[in-house]
Amino acid sequence: MMNTTQTDTLDTLAAKLEAIDHLVVAKNGSWEWTRGELSAYFKQVETKDNWKMPIDADVLLDNDRDLFGLREAVIFFTGSVPTFRPLRARGGKTLYNVTAAGYYAVIGA
């Protein structure tokens, strides 16, 4: 059972983590993305068992902002630059195969 001090500490930490997700951490031209937005993009392509592994995923993107946002997300979280291969257009969206070396290959940790 946690005491009041531990609960307050966890609540403070949770508030700080939420605030961090609202910070703008990437820009490309006039576009900006928060850490939270990059995290949502990255979840679409990360290896579920270990996010540091190489990336090889298919993802359906709405527009160029999403494509560049996903690119920024992969760079932000792994340090590797992704490659996008368009597979097909569907309903105004494009399905891409996204590959990247991953965190272990680039950072080595």
Protein backbone atom coordinates (compact mmCIF):
# COMPACT_ATOMS: atom_id res chain seq x y z
CA MET A 1 0.00 0.00 0.00
CA MET A 2 1.35 3.44 -0.90
CA ASN A 3 1.43 6.24 1.58
CA THR A 4 0.28 9.82 0.88
CA THR A 5 3.80 11.03 0.03
CA GLN A 6 4.28 8.25 -2.53
CA THR A 7 0.88 8.95 -4.08
CA ASP A 8 1.63 12.69 -4.30
CA THR A 9 5.00 11.92 -5.90
CA LEU A 10 3.39 9.66 -8.50
CA ASP A 11 0.70 12.27 -9.23
CA THR A 12 3.39 14.93 -9.71
CA LEU A 13 5.38 12.67 -12.00
CA ALA A 14 2.29 11.82 -14.06
CA ALA A 15 1.51 15.54 -14.46
CA LYS A 16 5.07 16.25 -15.60
CA LEU A 17 4.98 13.41 -18.11
CA GLU A 18 1.68 14.69 -19.50
CA ALA A 19 3.15 18.19 -19.82
CA ILE A 20 6.15 16.81 -21.73
CA ASP A 21 3.80 15.24 -24.28
CA HIS A 22 2.49 18.73 -25.11
CA LEU A 23 5.93 20.16 -25.90
CA VAL A 24 6.82 20.79 -29.55
CA VAL A 25 9.87 18.61 -30.22
CA ALA A 26 10.02 18.47 -34.03
CA LYS A 27 9.58 20.92 -36.88
CA ASN A 28 9.67 20.55 -40.64
CA GLY A 29 8.96 23.72 -42.60
CA SER A 30 5.79 25.22 -41.15
CA TRP A 31 4.72 21.94 -39.54
CA GLU A 32 5.29 21.23 -35.85
CA TRP A 33 4.70 18.11 -33.79
CA THR A 34 4.50 17.56 -30.05
CA ARG A 35 6.14 14.64 -28.31
CA GLY A 36 2.68 13.14 -27.86
CA GLU A 37 1.96 13.36 -31.59
CA LEU A 38 5.31 11.77 -32.43
CA SER A 39 4.61 9.01 -29.94
CA ALA A 40 1.27 8.25 -31.63
CA TYR A 41 2.95 8.13 -35.05
CA PHE A 42 5.74 5.90 -33.76
CA LYS A 43 3.30 3.41 -32.24
CA GLN A 44 2.05 2.72 -35.79
CA VAL A 45 5.43 1.31 -36.87
CA GLU A 46 7.33 0.23 -33.76
CA THR A 47 8.15 -3.42 -33.21
CA LYS A 48 5.69 -4.32 -30.45
CA ASP A 49 8.01 -6.69 -28.56
CA ASN A 50 10.91 -4.21 -28.48
CA TRP A 51 10.66 -0.69 -29.90
CA LYS A 52 14.44 -0.53 -30.35
CA MET A 53 14.46 -3.22 -33.07
CA PRO A 54 14.54 -2.49 -36.82
CA ILE A 55 11.31 -1.16 -38.31
CA ASP A 56 9.47 -2.88 -41.15
CA ALA A 57 5.78 -1.97 -41.14
CA ASP A 58 2.96 -1.07 -43.47
CA VAL A 59 1.01 2.05 -42.53
CA LEU A 60 -1.87 3.94 -44.13
CA LEU A 61 -1.26 7.70 -44.11
CA ASP A 62 -3.76 10.48 -44.83
CA ASN A 63 -1.46 13.17 -46.19
CA ASP A 64 2.06 14.62 -46.44
CA ARG A 65 1.89 16.03 -42.90
CA ASP A 66 1.37 12.51 -41.57
CA LEU A 67 4.20 11.15 -43.72
CA PHE A 68 6.62 13.80 -42.48
CA GLY A 69 5.31 13.41 -38.91
CA LEU A 70 6.02 9.69 -39.02
CA ARG A 71 9.47 10.39 -40.44
CA GLU A 72 10.20 12.82 -37.60
CA ALA A 73 8.87 10.29 -35.06
CA VAL A 74 11.17 7.49 -36.24
CA ILE A 75 14.15 9.85 -36.16
CA PHE A 76 13.17 11.20 -32.72
CA PHE A 77 12.75 7.82 -31.06
CA THR A 78 15.38 5.71 -32.84
CA GLY A 79 17.91 8.06 -34.44
CA SER A 80 17.44 6.17 -37.70
CA VAL A 81 16.05 7.70 -40.89
CA PRO A 82 13.11 5.79 -42.33
CA THR A 83 12.51 4.83 -45.94
CA PHE A 84 8.97 5.05 -47.30
CA ARG A 85 7.87 2.86 -50.20
CA PRO A 86 4.37 3.60 -51.50
CA LEU A 87 2.41 0.38 -51.99
CA ARG A 88 -0.99 1.64 -53.14
CA ALA A 89 -3.49 4.47 -52.84
CA ARG A 90 -6.79 3.76 -51.17
CA GLY A 91 -9.63 6.23 -50.62
CA GLY A 92 -7.45 9.34 -50.71
CA LYS A 93 -4.87 7.72 -48.44
CA THR A 94 -1.62 5.98 -49.30
CA LEU A 95 -0.34 2.70 -47.88
CA TYR A 96 3.41 2.80 -47.32
CA ASN A 97 5.95 0.20 -46.32
CA VAL A 98 8.20 1.91 -43.77
CA THR A 99 11.64 0.57 -42.92
CA ALA A 100 14.38 1.89 -40.64
CA ALA A 101 17.50 0.52 -38.98
CA GLY A 102 16.15 1.04 -35.45
CA TYR A 103 17.59 2.28 -32.19
CA TYR A 104 20.03 -0.59 -31.54
CA ALA A 105 21.66 -0.23 -34.97
CA VAL A 106 22.09 3.53 -34.70
CA ILE A 107 22.62 4.17 -30.99
CA GLY A 108 24.03 0.77 -30.12
CA ALA A 109 22.54 0.51 -26.65
